[in-house]
N, C-alpha and C. Protein backbone atom coordinates (compact mmCIF):
# COMPACT_ATOMS: atom_id res chain seq x y z
N UNK A 1 -34.79 54.74 -13.59
CA UNK A 1 -33.66 53.89 -13.19
C UNK A 1 -34.11 52.44 -13.03
N UNK A 2 -35.28 52.26 -12.38
CA UNK A 2 -35.82 50.91 -12.20
C UNK A 2 -36.09 50.27 -13.55
N UNK A 3 -36.74 51.01 -14.45
CA UNK A 3 -37.08 50.47 -15.76
C UNK A 3 -35.84 50.13 -16.58
N UNK A 4 -34.82 50.99 -16.49
CA UNK A 4 -33.60 50.70 -17.25
C UNK A 4 -32.91 49.45 -16.70
N UNK A 5 -32.94 49.30 -15.36
CA UNK A 5 -32.36 48.10 -14.77
C UNK A 5 -33.12 46.86 -15.17
N UNK A 6 -34.45 46.95 -15.17
CA UNK A 6 -35.29 45.81 -15.56
C UNK A 6 -35.06 45.45 -17.03
N UNK A 7 -34.95 46.47 -17.86
CA UNK A 7 -34.68 46.24 -19.28
C UNK A 7 -33.35 45.54 -19.49
N UNK A 8 -32.34 45.95 -18.73
CA UNK A 8 -31.03 45.32 -18.84
C UNK A 8 -31.09 43.85 -18.44
N UNK A 9 -31.86 43.55 -17.39
CA UNK A 9 -32.02 42.16 -16.96
C UNK A 9 -32.71 41.34 -18.04
N UNK A 10 -33.80 41.87 -18.58
CA UNK A 10 -34.58 41.12 -19.56
C UNK A 10 -33.82 40.91 -20.86
N UNK A 11 -32.92 41.82 -21.15
CA UNK A 11 -32.15 41.70 -22.40
C UNK A 11 -30.83 40.97 -22.20
N UNK A 12 -30.51 40.65 -20.95
CA UNK A 12 -29.25 39.99 -20.68
C UNK A 12 -29.18 38.61 -21.31
N UNK A 13 -28.04 38.27 -21.84
CA UNK A 13 -27.85 36.94 -22.42
C UNK A 13 -26.37 36.59 -22.38
N UNK A 14 -26.07 35.29 -22.39
CA UNK A 14 -24.67 34.87 -22.37
C UNK A 14 -23.93 35.36 -23.61
N UNK A 15 -22.64 35.54 -23.46
CA UNK A 15 -21.81 35.96 -24.58
C UNK A 15 -21.21 34.71 -25.25
N UNK A 16 -21.93 34.16 -26.19
CA UNK A 16 -21.48 32.96 -26.88
C UNK A 16 -20.77 33.35 -28.17
N UNK A 17 -19.51 32.95 -28.34
CA UNK A 17 -18.85 33.23 -29.62
C UNK A 17 -19.65 32.62 -30.77
N UNK A 18 -19.93 33.36 -31.82
CA UNK A 18 -20.72 32.83 -32.93
C UNK A 18 -20.19 31.51 -33.48
N UNK A 19 -18.88 31.34 -33.48
CA UNK A 19 -18.29 30.12 -34.02
C UNK A 19 -18.61 28.89 -33.18
N UNK A 20 -19.10 29.09 -31.92
CA UNK A 20 -19.39 27.97 -31.02
C UNK A 20 -20.87 27.85 -30.69
N UNK A 21 -21.70 28.57 -31.41
CA UNK A 21 -23.13 28.63 -31.08
C UNK A 21 -23.85 27.30 -31.24
N UNK A 22 -23.27 26.38 -32.00
CA UNK A 22 -23.96 25.10 -32.22
C UNK A 22 -23.43 23.97 -31.33
N UNK A 23 -22.63 24.31 -30.32
CA UNK A 23 -22.14 23.29 -29.39
C UNK A 23 -23.21 23.05 -28.31
N UNK A 24 -23.81 21.87 -28.31
CA UNK A 24 -24.98 21.60 -27.47
C UNK A 24 -24.67 21.75 -25.98
N UNK A 25 -23.55 21.20 -25.53
CA UNK A 25 -23.23 21.27 -24.10
C UNK A 25 -23.01 22.71 -23.66
N UNK A 26 -22.32 23.48 -24.48
CA UNK A 26 -22.08 24.88 -24.15
C UNK A 26 -23.41 25.64 -24.07
N UNK A 27 -24.31 25.36 -25.00
CA UNK A 27 -25.63 26.00 -24.98
C UNK A 27 -26.38 25.65 -23.70
N UNK A 28 -26.30 24.37 -23.30
CA UNK A 28 -26.95 23.94 -22.07
C UNK A 28 -26.40 24.69 -20.86
N UNK A 29 -25.09 24.79 -20.78
CA UNK A 29 -24.45 25.49 -19.65
C UNK A 29 -24.82 26.97 -19.61
N UNK A 30 -24.79 27.61 -20.75
CA UNK A 30 -25.00 29.06 -20.78
C UNK A 30 -26.47 29.45 -20.65
N UNK A 31 -27.37 28.55 -21.03
CA UNK A 31 -28.79 28.88 -20.98
C UNK A 31 -29.50 28.36 -19.73
N UNK A 32 -28.76 27.65 -18.86
CA UNK A 32 -29.37 27.14 -17.63
C UNK A 32 -29.84 28.29 -16.75
N UNK A 33 -31.01 28.14 -16.16
CA UNK A 33 -31.54 29.14 -15.24
C UNK A 33 -32.10 28.43 -14.01
N UNK A 34 -32.07 29.11 -12.88
CA UNK A 34 -32.72 28.58 -11.68
C UNK A 34 -34.22 28.80 -11.81
N UNK A 35 -34.99 27.76 -11.53
CA UNK A 35 -36.44 27.78 -11.72
C UNK A 35 -37.12 27.54 -10.38
N UNK A 36 -38.15 28.31 -10.11
CA UNK A 36 -38.87 28.19 -8.84
C UNK A 36 -40.38 27.98 -9.04
N UNK A 37 -40.75 27.54 -10.23
CA UNK A 37 -42.16 27.24 -10.51
C UNK A 37 -42.20 26.01 -11.41
N UNK A 38 -42.77 24.91 -10.89
CA UNK A 38 -42.74 23.65 -11.61
C UNK A 38 -44.15 23.16 -11.92
N UNK A 39 -44.26 22.37 -12.97
CA UNK A 39 -45.52 21.70 -13.26
C UNK A 39 -45.66 20.51 -12.32
N UNK A 40 -46.81 19.87 -12.39
CA UNK A 40 -47.04 18.67 -11.56
C UNK A 40 -46.52 17.41 -12.23
N UNK A 41 -45.93 17.53 -13.39
CA UNK A 41 -45.46 16.35 -14.11
C UNK A 41 -44.33 15.65 -13.34
N UNK A 42 -44.43 14.34 -13.16
CA UNK A 42 -43.36 13.62 -12.46
C UNK A 42 -42.12 13.47 -13.33
N UNK A 43 -40.97 13.34 -12.68
CA UNK A 43 -39.73 13.06 -13.41
C UNK A 43 -39.59 11.54 -13.46
N UNK A 44 -39.48 10.95 -14.66
CA UNK A 44 -39.34 9.49 -14.75
C UNK A 44 -38.12 8.99 -13.97
N UNK A 45 -38.22 7.78 -13.46
CA UNK A 45 -37.15 7.22 -12.65
C UNK A 45 -35.82 7.16 -13.39
N UNK A 46 -35.85 6.82 -14.69
CA UNK A 46 -34.59 6.71 -15.41
C UNK A 46 -33.94 8.07 -15.61
N UNK A 47 -34.75 9.10 -15.79
CA UNK A 47 -34.22 10.46 -15.94
C UNK A 47 -33.57 10.91 -14.64
N UNK A 48 -34.25 10.66 -13.53
CA UNK A 48 -33.70 11.07 -12.24
C UNK A 48 -32.44 10.27 -11.90
N UNK A 49 -32.43 8.99 -12.27
CA UNK A 49 -31.25 8.16 -12.04
C UNK A 49 -30.06 8.71 -12.83
N UNK A 50 -30.30 9.19 -14.04
CA UNK A 50 -29.22 9.76 -14.85
C UNK A 50 -28.69 11.05 -14.23
N UNK A 51 -29.58 11.84 -13.64
CA UNK A 51 -29.16 13.07 -12.97
C UNK A 51 -28.24 12.75 -11.80
N UNK A 52 -28.62 11.77 -10.98
CA UNK A 52 -27.77 11.36 -9.86
C UNK A 52 -26.47 10.74 -10.34
N UNK A 53 -26.53 10.02 -11.46
CA UNK A 53 -25.32 9.40 -11.99
C UNK A 53 -24.30 10.46 -12.40
N UNK A 54 -24.78 11.59 -12.93
CA UNK A 54 -23.87 12.68 -13.28
C UNK A 54 -23.15 13.20 -12.04
N UNK A 55 -23.85 13.25 -10.92
CA UNK A 55 -23.20 13.65 -9.68
C UNK A 55 -22.22 12.61 -9.19
N UNK A 56 -22.59 11.34 -9.33
CA UNK A 56 -21.72 10.26 -8.85
C UNK A 56 -20.38 10.23 -9.56
N UNK A 57 -20.37 10.57 -10.86
CA UNK A 57 -19.13 10.48 -11.63
C UNK A 57 -18.44 11.85 -11.77
N UNK A 58 -18.85 12.82 -10.98
CA UNK A 58 -18.23 14.14 -11.02
C UNK A 58 -16.77 14.07 -10.60
N UNK A 59 -15.96 15.06 -11.01
CA UNK A 59 -14.56 15.07 -10.59
C UNK A 59 -14.42 15.39 -9.11
N UNK A 60 -13.34 14.90 -8.51
CA UNK A 60 -13.09 15.22 -7.10
C UNK A 60 -11.60 15.12 -6.81
N UNK A 61 -11.17 15.79 -5.75
CA UNK A 61 -9.78 15.78 -5.33
C UNK A 61 -9.30 14.36 -5.05
N UNK A 62 -8.25 13.93 -5.71
CA UNK A 62 -7.65 12.60 -5.53
C UNK A 62 -8.73 11.51 -5.62
N UNK A 63 -9.78 11.77 -6.38
CA UNK A 63 -10.90 10.83 -6.53
C UNK A 63 -11.51 10.43 -5.19
N UNK A 64 -11.55 11.37 -4.23
CA UNK A 64 -12.07 11.06 -2.90
C UNK A 64 -13.58 10.90 -2.88
N UNK A 65 -14.27 11.55 -3.83
CA UNK A 65 -15.73 11.43 -3.92
C UNK A 65 -16.40 11.74 -2.58
N UNK A 66 -16.05 12.88 -2.03
CA UNK A 66 -16.52 13.25 -0.69
C UNK A 66 -17.93 13.83 -0.72
N UNK A 67 -18.87 13.02 -1.18
CA UNK A 67 -20.26 13.46 -1.24
C UNK A 67 -21.20 12.29 -0.99
N UNK A 68 -22.39 12.63 -0.59
CA UNK A 68 -23.51 11.69 -0.54
C UNK A 68 -24.74 12.47 -0.96
N UNK A 69 -25.74 11.77 -1.49
CA UNK A 69 -26.96 12.40 -1.95
C UNK A 69 -28.16 11.79 -1.21
N UNK A 70 -28.90 12.61 -0.49
CA UNK A 70 -30.16 12.17 0.11
C UNK A 70 -31.26 12.53 -0.88
N UNK A 71 -31.78 11.53 -1.58
CA UNK A 71 -32.71 11.76 -2.70
C UNK A 71 -34.14 11.42 -2.29
N UNK A 72 -35.08 12.26 -2.74
CA UNK A 72 -36.48 12.12 -2.33
C UNK A 72 -37.43 12.37 -3.49
N UNK A 73 -38.53 11.62 -3.50
CA UNK A 73 -39.70 12.04 -4.26
C UNK A 73 -40.46 13.04 -3.40
N UNK A 74 -41.46 13.67 -3.99
CA UNK A 74 -42.27 14.62 -3.22
C UNK A 74 -42.93 13.94 -2.03
N UNK A 75 -43.42 12.72 -2.25
CA UNK A 75 -44.09 12.00 -1.16
C UNK A 75 -43.11 11.61 -0.07
N UNK A 76 -41.92 11.16 -0.45
CA UNK A 76 -40.91 10.78 0.53
C UNK A 76 -40.44 11.98 1.34
N UNK A 77 -40.29 13.12 0.67
CA UNK A 77 -39.89 14.35 1.37
C UNK A 77 -40.94 14.74 2.40
N UNK A 78 -42.21 14.71 1.99
CA UNK A 78 -43.29 15.08 2.89
C UNK A 78 -43.33 14.16 4.10
N UNK A 79 -43.10 12.87 3.88
CA UNK A 79 -43.09 11.92 4.99
C UNK A 79 -41.90 12.16 5.91
N UNK A 80 -40.73 12.48 5.34
CA UNK A 80 -39.51 12.67 6.13
C UNK A 80 -39.55 13.96 6.93
N UNK A 81 -40.04 15.05 6.30
CA UNK A 81 -39.93 16.37 6.91
C UNK A 81 -41.27 17.01 7.28
N UNK A 82 -42.36 16.36 6.93
CA UNK A 82 -43.66 16.88 7.33
C UNK A 82 -44.08 18.15 6.61
N UNK A 83 -43.55 18.38 5.43
CA UNK A 83 -43.90 19.56 4.62
C UNK A 83 -43.56 19.25 3.17
N UNK A 84 -44.16 19.99 2.23
CA UNK A 84 -43.87 19.70 0.82
C UNK A 84 -42.48 20.15 0.41
N UNK A 85 -42.00 19.58 -0.66
CA UNK A 85 -40.76 20.05 -1.25
C UNK A 85 -40.90 21.52 -1.61
N UNK A 86 -39.84 22.32 -1.44
CA UNK A 86 -39.93 23.73 -1.84
C UNK A 86 -40.39 23.87 -3.29
N UNK A 87 -41.24 24.86 -3.51
CA UNK A 87 -41.78 25.19 -4.84
C UNK A 87 -42.58 24.04 -5.45
N UNK A 88 -43.02 23.10 -4.60
CA UNK A 88 -43.83 21.97 -5.04
C UNK A 88 -43.15 21.16 -6.14
N UNK A 89 -41.84 21.06 -6.04
CA UNK A 89 -41.07 20.28 -7.01
C UNK A 89 -41.35 18.79 -6.83
N UNK A 90 -41.24 17.98 -7.87
CA UNK A 90 -41.49 16.54 -7.74
C UNK A 90 -40.33 15.74 -7.19
N UNK A 91 -39.11 16.30 -7.23
CA UNK A 91 -37.94 15.57 -6.72
C UNK A 91 -37.01 16.54 -5.99
N UNK A 92 -36.31 16.02 -5.00
CA UNK A 92 -35.35 16.84 -4.27
C UNK A 92 -34.15 16.02 -3.85
N UNK A 93 -33.01 16.68 -3.77
CA UNK A 93 -31.78 16.03 -3.33
C UNK A 93 -31.07 16.95 -2.33
N UNK A 94 -30.69 16.41 -1.20
CA UNK A 94 -29.84 17.16 -0.27
C UNK A 94 -28.41 16.70 -0.51
N UNK A 95 -27.56 17.65 -0.86
CA UNK A 95 -26.15 17.35 -1.13
C UNK A 95 -25.38 17.40 0.19
N UNK A 96 -24.66 16.32 0.48
CA UNK A 96 -23.92 16.20 1.73
C UNK A 96 -22.42 16.10 1.45
N UNK A 97 -21.63 16.82 2.22
CA UNK A 97 -20.18 16.68 2.16
C UNK A 97 -19.75 15.68 3.23
N UNK A 98 -19.00 14.67 2.81
CA UNK A 98 -18.60 13.59 3.72
C UNK A 98 -17.10 13.68 3.97
N UNK A 99 -16.70 14.22 5.12
CA UNK A 99 -15.28 14.41 5.41
C UNK A 99 -14.58 13.10 5.77
N UNK A 100 -15.34 12.04 6.05
CA UNK A 100 -14.72 10.77 6.41
C UNK A 100 -13.89 10.22 5.26
N UNK A 101 -14.33 10.47 4.04
CA UNK A 101 -13.59 9.95 2.89
C UNK A 101 -12.27 10.67 2.72
N UNK A 102 -12.22 11.93 3.13
CA UNK A 102 -10.94 12.66 3.09
C UNK A 102 -9.98 12.05 4.11
N UNK A 103 -10.49 11.65 5.25
CA UNK A 103 -9.62 11.06 6.28
C UNK A 103 -8.97 9.76 5.81
N UNK A 104 -9.59 9.09 4.86
CA UNK A 104 -9.01 7.84 4.36
C UNK A 104 -7.67 8.10 3.67
N UNK A 105 -7.46 9.32 3.21
CA UNK A 105 -6.19 9.70 2.60
C UNK A 105 -5.34 10.51 3.56
N UNK A 106 -6.00 11.37 4.34
CA UNK A 106 -5.28 12.31 5.19
C UNK A 106 -4.90 11.74 6.55
N UNK A 107 -5.24 10.50 6.84
CA UNK A 107 -5.01 10.00 8.19
C UNK A 107 -3.52 9.80 8.50
N UNK A 108 -2.66 9.91 7.49
CA UNK A 108 -1.23 9.83 7.77
C UNK A 108 -0.69 11.17 8.27
N UNK A 109 -1.52 12.21 8.19
CA UNK A 109 -1.15 13.54 8.67
C UNK A 109 -1.91 13.85 9.96
N UNK A 110 -1.46 14.85 10.69
CA UNK A 110 -2.25 15.28 11.85
C UNK A 110 -3.65 15.70 11.41
N UNK A 111 -4.62 15.57 12.29
CA UNK A 111 -6.00 15.94 11.97
C UNK A 111 -6.05 17.38 11.49
N UNK A 112 -6.73 17.60 10.36
CA UNK A 112 -6.86 18.93 9.76
C UNK A 112 -8.32 19.17 9.40
N UNK A 113 -9.16 19.47 10.40
CA UNK A 113 -10.59 19.62 10.13
C UNK A 113 -10.90 20.65 9.03
N UNK A 114 -10.15 21.75 8.99
CA UNK A 114 -10.42 22.76 7.97
C UNK A 114 -10.14 22.22 6.58
N UNK A 115 -9.05 21.49 6.42
CA UNK A 115 -8.72 20.90 5.12
C UNK A 115 -9.78 19.87 4.73
N UNK A 116 -10.15 19.02 5.66
CA UNK A 116 -11.14 17.98 5.38
C UNK A 116 -12.47 18.60 4.99
N UNK A 117 -12.87 19.63 5.72
CA UNK A 117 -14.14 20.29 5.43
C UNK A 117 -14.08 20.98 4.07
N UNK A 118 -13.00 21.69 3.80
CA UNK A 118 -12.87 22.41 2.54
C UNK A 118 -12.89 21.46 1.36
N UNK A 119 -12.14 20.36 1.45
CA UNK A 119 -12.12 19.37 0.38
C UNK A 119 -13.51 18.76 0.20
N UNK A 120 -14.17 18.44 1.31
CA UNK A 120 -15.50 17.86 1.23
C UNK A 120 -16.50 18.79 0.56
N UNK A 121 -16.48 20.05 0.95
CA UNK A 121 -17.41 21.04 0.39
C UNK A 121 -17.11 21.27 -1.09
N UNK A 122 -15.85 21.40 -1.43
CA UNK A 122 -15.47 21.66 -2.82
C UNK A 122 -15.92 20.52 -3.73
N UNK A 123 -15.62 19.30 -3.32
CA UNK A 123 -15.99 18.16 -4.17
C UNK A 123 -17.50 17.97 -4.26
N UNK A 124 -18.18 18.09 -3.13
CA UNK A 124 -19.64 17.91 -3.14
C UNK A 124 -20.31 19.00 -3.97
N UNK A 125 -19.74 20.19 -3.99
CA UNK A 125 -20.29 21.27 -4.81
C UNK A 125 -20.13 20.98 -6.29
N UNK A 126 -19.00 20.36 -6.66
CA UNK A 126 -18.82 19.96 -8.05
C UNK A 126 -19.86 18.91 -8.44
N UNK A 127 -20.12 17.97 -7.54
CA UNK A 127 -21.14 16.95 -7.81
C UNK A 127 -22.51 17.59 -7.94
N UNK A 128 -22.79 18.58 -7.10
CA UNK A 128 -24.08 19.27 -7.17
C UNK A 128 -24.26 19.94 -8.51
N UNK A 129 -23.22 20.63 -8.97
CA UNK A 129 -23.31 21.30 -10.26
C UNK A 129 -23.47 20.30 -11.40
N UNK A 130 -22.84 19.15 -11.28
CA UNK A 130 -22.98 18.12 -12.30
C UNK A 130 -24.43 17.65 -12.42
N UNK A 131 -25.10 17.45 -11.27
CA UNK A 131 -26.51 17.06 -11.33
C UNK A 131 -27.35 18.18 -11.94
N UNK A 132 -27.01 19.40 -11.62
CA UNK A 132 -27.73 20.56 -12.12
C UNK A 132 -27.65 20.65 -13.64
N UNK A 133 -26.46 20.47 -14.18
CA UNK A 133 -26.26 20.55 -15.63
C UNK A 133 -26.87 19.35 -16.34
N UNK A 134 -26.72 18.16 -15.75
CA UNK A 134 -27.32 16.97 -16.35
C UNK A 134 -28.83 17.12 -16.44
N UNK A 135 -29.43 17.64 -15.38
CA UNK A 135 -30.88 17.86 -15.41
C UNK A 135 -31.26 18.78 -16.56
N UNK A 136 -30.54 19.87 -16.70
CA UNK A 136 -30.84 20.83 -17.76
C UNK A 136 -30.73 20.16 -19.13
N UNK A 137 -29.72 19.33 -19.32
CA UNK A 137 -29.54 18.64 -20.59
C UNK A 137 -30.70 17.69 -20.88
N UNK A 138 -31.35 17.20 -19.83
CA UNK A 138 -32.47 16.26 -19.99
C UNK A 138 -33.82 16.97 -19.99
N UNK A 139 -33.80 18.31 -20.02
CA UNK A 139 -35.05 19.06 -20.06
C UNK A 139 -35.68 19.26 -18.70
N UNK A 140 -34.95 18.97 -17.64
CA UNK A 140 -35.44 19.11 -16.27
C UNK A 140 -34.81 20.36 -15.66
N UNK A 141 -35.63 21.22 -15.09
CA UNK A 141 -35.13 22.44 -14.46
C UNK A 141 -34.85 22.19 -12.99
N UNK A 142 -34.12 23.12 -12.38
CA UNK A 142 -33.76 22.94 -10.97
C UNK A 142 -33.42 24.28 -10.34
N UNK A 143 -33.30 24.25 -9.03
CA UNK A 143 -32.79 25.41 -8.31
C UNK A 143 -32.05 24.90 -7.07
N UNK A 144 -30.89 25.47 -6.81
CA UNK A 144 -30.12 25.14 -5.61
C UNK A 144 -30.58 26.04 -4.47
N UNK A 145 -30.87 25.45 -3.32
CA UNK A 145 -31.42 26.18 -2.19
C UNK A 145 -30.61 25.94 -0.92
N UNK A 146 -30.63 26.93 -0.05
CA UNK A 146 -30.00 26.77 1.27
C UNK A 146 -31.09 26.55 2.31
N UNK A 147 -32.09 25.75 1.95
CA UNK A 147 -33.23 25.55 2.86
C UNK A 147 -33.90 24.23 2.59
N UNK A 148 -34.74 23.83 3.52
CA UNK A 148 -35.53 22.61 3.37
C UNK A 148 -37.02 22.91 3.29
N UNK A 149 -37.40 24.17 3.34
CA UNK A 149 -38.80 24.53 3.43
C UNK A 149 -39.24 24.68 4.87
N UNK A 150 -38.31 24.48 5.81
CA UNK A 150 -38.66 24.54 7.23
C UNK A 150 -38.30 25.89 7.85
N UNK A 151 -37.08 26.39 7.53
CA UNK A 151 -36.60 27.57 8.23
C UNK A 151 -36.25 28.73 7.32
N UNK A 152 -36.07 28.47 6.03
CA UNK A 152 -35.58 29.51 5.13
C UNK A 152 -34.08 29.51 5.03
N UNK A 153 -33.40 28.92 6.00
CA UNK A 153 -31.95 28.73 5.94
C UNK A 153 -31.65 27.27 6.22
N UNK A 154 -30.59 26.78 5.62
CA UNK A 154 -30.24 25.38 5.82
C UNK A 154 -29.98 25.12 7.30
N UNK A 155 -30.77 24.25 7.87
CA UNK A 155 -30.69 23.95 9.30
C UNK A 155 -29.91 22.66 9.47
N UNK A 156 -28.59 22.78 9.65
CA UNK A 156 -27.72 21.61 9.69
C UNK A 156 -28.06 20.69 10.85
N UNK A 157 -28.36 21.27 12.02
CA UNK A 157 -28.70 20.45 13.17
C UNK A 157 -29.97 19.65 12.95
N UNK A 158 -30.96 20.30 12.38
CA UNK A 158 -32.24 19.64 12.08
C UNK A 158 -32.03 18.50 11.09
N UNK A 159 -31.26 18.75 10.03
CA UNK A 159 -31.03 17.72 9.03
C UNK A 159 -30.19 16.58 9.59
N UNK A 160 -29.22 16.90 10.42
CA UNK A 160 -28.42 15.85 11.04
C UNK A 160 -29.30 14.90 11.84
N UNK A 161 -30.27 15.48 12.53
CA UNK A 161 -31.19 14.67 13.33
C UNK A 161 -32.13 13.87 12.44
N UNK A 162 -32.73 14.53 11.44
CA UNK A 162 -33.71 13.88 10.59
C UNK A 162 -33.09 12.77 9.73
N UNK A 163 -31.85 12.98 9.29
CA UNK A 163 -31.21 12.02 8.39
C UNK A 163 -30.20 11.12 9.11
N UNK A 164 -30.11 11.27 10.43
CA UNK A 164 -29.16 10.48 11.24
C UNK A 164 -27.74 10.60 10.69
N UNK A 165 -27.32 11.83 10.45
CA UNK A 165 -26.00 12.06 9.89
C UNK A 165 -24.93 11.90 10.95
N UNK A 166 -23.89 11.16 10.66
CA UNK A 166 -22.78 11.06 11.62
C UNK A 166 -21.98 12.36 11.64
N UNK A 167 -21.24 12.56 12.69
CA UNK A 167 -20.37 13.72 12.77
C UNK A 167 -19.38 13.70 11.60
N UNK A 168 -19.22 14.83 10.94
CA UNK A 168 -18.32 14.89 9.79
C UNK A 168 -19.03 14.79 8.47
N UNK A 169 -20.35 14.54 8.48
CA UNK A 169 -21.16 14.58 7.27
C UNK A 169 -22.02 15.84 7.35
N UNK A 170 -21.82 16.75 6.41
CA UNK A 170 -22.37 18.10 6.51
C UNK A 170 -23.34 18.38 5.36
N UNK A 171 -24.59 18.76 5.65
CA UNK A 171 -25.50 19.14 4.58
C UNK A 171 -25.11 20.49 3.99
N UNK A 172 -25.02 20.55 2.67
CA UNK A 172 -24.58 21.78 2.00
C UNK A 172 -25.72 22.54 1.35
N UNK A 173 -26.59 21.83 0.66
CA UNK A 173 -27.66 22.51 -0.08
C UNK A 173 -28.74 21.50 -0.43
N UNK A 174 -29.91 22.04 -0.72
CA UNK A 174 -30.99 21.25 -1.29
C UNK A 174 -31.14 21.66 -2.74
N UNK A 175 -31.25 20.69 -3.63
CA UNK A 175 -31.57 20.99 -5.03
C UNK A 175 -32.92 20.36 -5.32
N UNK A 176 -33.85 21.15 -5.82
CA UNK A 176 -35.13 20.59 -6.23
C UNK A 176 -35.21 20.59 -7.76
N UNK A 177 -35.84 19.54 -8.27
CA UNK A 177 -35.88 19.30 -9.71
C UNK A 177 -37.34 19.16 -10.17
N UNK A 178 -37.61 19.63 -11.37
CA UNK A 178 -38.93 19.47 -11.95
C UNK A 178 -38.98 20.08 -13.34
N UNK A 179 -40.13 19.98 -13.95
CA UNK A 179 -40.33 20.58 -15.27
C UNK A 179 -40.87 21.99 -15.09
N UNK A 180 -40.20 22.94 -15.71
CA UNK A 180 -40.53 24.35 -15.50
C UNK A 180 -41.90 24.71 -16.08
N UNK A 181 -42.61 25.54 -15.34
CA UNK A 181 -43.83 26.11 -15.90
C UNK A 181 -43.45 27.07 -17.02
N UNK A 182 -44.31 27.21 -18.02
CA UNK A 182 -44.01 28.14 -19.11
C UNK A 182 -43.86 29.56 -18.57
N UNK A 183 -42.99 30.33 -19.18
CA UNK A 183 -42.82 31.72 -18.76
C UNK A 183 -41.42 32.22 -19.08
N UNK A 184 -41.23 33.49 -18.88
CA UNK A 184 -39.96 34.14 -19.15
C UNK A 184 -38.91 33.68 -18.15
N UNK A 185 -37.71 33.37 -18.63
CA UNK A 185 -36.61 32.96 -17.77
C UNK A 185 -35.39 33.83 -18.06
N UNK A 186 -35.43 35.08 -17.62
CA UNK A 186 -34.30 35.97 -17.92
C UNK A 186 -33.04 35.57 -17.17
N UNK A 187 -31.91 36.00 -17.69
CA UNK A 187 -30.64 35.73 -17.02
C UNK A 187 -30.41 36.79 -15.95
N UNK A 188 -30.22 36.39 -14.69
CA UNK A 188 -29.93 37.38 -13.66
C UNK A 188 -28.67 38.16 -14.01
N UNK A 189 -28.52 39.38 -13.49
CA UNK A 189 -27.33 40.17 -13.81
C UNK A 189 -26.05 39.41 -13.47
N UNK A 190 -25.09 39.50 -14.34
CA UNK A 190 -23.79 38.86 -14.13
C UNK A 190 -22.69 39.91 -14.25
N UNK A 191 -21.64 39.74 -13.45
CA UNK A 191 -20.50 40.62 -13.58
C UNK A 191 -19.86 40.40 -14.95
N UNK A 192 -19.32 41.44 -15.55
CA UNK A 192 -18.72 41.31 -16.88
C UNK A 192 -17.43 40.50 -16.83
N UNK A 193 -17.03 39.89 -17.95
CA UNK A 193 -15.82 39.05 -17.97
C UNK A 193 -14.59 39.78 -17.46
N UNK A 194 -14.45 41.05 -17.80
CA UNK A 194 -13.25 41.79 -17.40
C UNK A 194 -13.18 42.01 -15.89
N UNK A 195 -14.29 41.81 -15.19
CA UNK A 195 -14.29 41.95 -13.74
C UNK A 195 -13.87 40.66 -13.04
N UNK A 196 -14.20 39.53 -13.63
CA UNK A 196 -13.97 38.25 -12.94
C UNK A 196 -12.78 37.48 -13.49
N UNK A 197 -12.24 37.87 -14.63
CA UNK A 197 -11.10 37.18 -15.20
C UNK A 197 -9.96 38.16 -15.44
N UNK A 198 -8.74 37.72 -15.17
CA UNK A 198 -7.60 38.62 -15.36
C UNK A 198 -6.37 37.81 -15.67
N UNK A 199 -5.36 38.49 -16.16
CA UNK A 199 -4.03 37.91 -16.39
C UNK A 199 -3.03 38.73 -15.59
N UNK A 200 -2.11 38.05 -14.93
CA UNK A 200 -1.12 38.78 -14.15
C UNK A 200 -1.55 38.90 -12.72
N UNK A 201 -1.45 40.09 -12.14
CA UNK A 201 -1.75 40.30 -10.73
C UNK A 201 -3.24 40.54 -10.52
N UNK A 202 -3.70 40.10 -9.36
CA UNK A 202 -5.12 40.27 -9.00
C UNK A 202 -5.45 41.76 -8.88
N UNK A 203 -6.58 42.13 -9.46
CA UNK A 203 -7.02 43.52 -9.35
C UNK A 203 -7.99 43.65 -8.19
């Protein structure tokens, strides 16, 4: 059973329609993998700037752009947090949801913390994915983490203190970027299309 499961994982691949196999962006999206082993090669400043730019121009609700990026080199991260970037990556970004920008539109309504938080998280997550895909397109691998290397879980209180975050600015995830070490990058198991997509009533 273990071997059959492992075989299924190793043989797993995206279902790309043959007629679309030569679309570069689609190939980038479908072949992206989370990487946790990086070389020591630095990411050039212009490449990293382009990755952040993809996040900056990501779509958002009513163009609220409810995100901020705390960006670090490995040395800056070590100085800020007293430990290396997870997986010894050369660059890291903490994605922050900024609910204050939602209030700039919602202030005509009664305070709605749940709405503000949801909008902030949704938009910042889109920006995070944009950086992730842009990195992949530039040959840079990444992994989204719920940790800083300190606790194993994202410690919002710790980050608020370390980054002097005002109330209403919420850390969502850490993304570390680098060049992947050579090796097999299988696709983790995915639910089949018929399980996650439907027409009509929810199953």
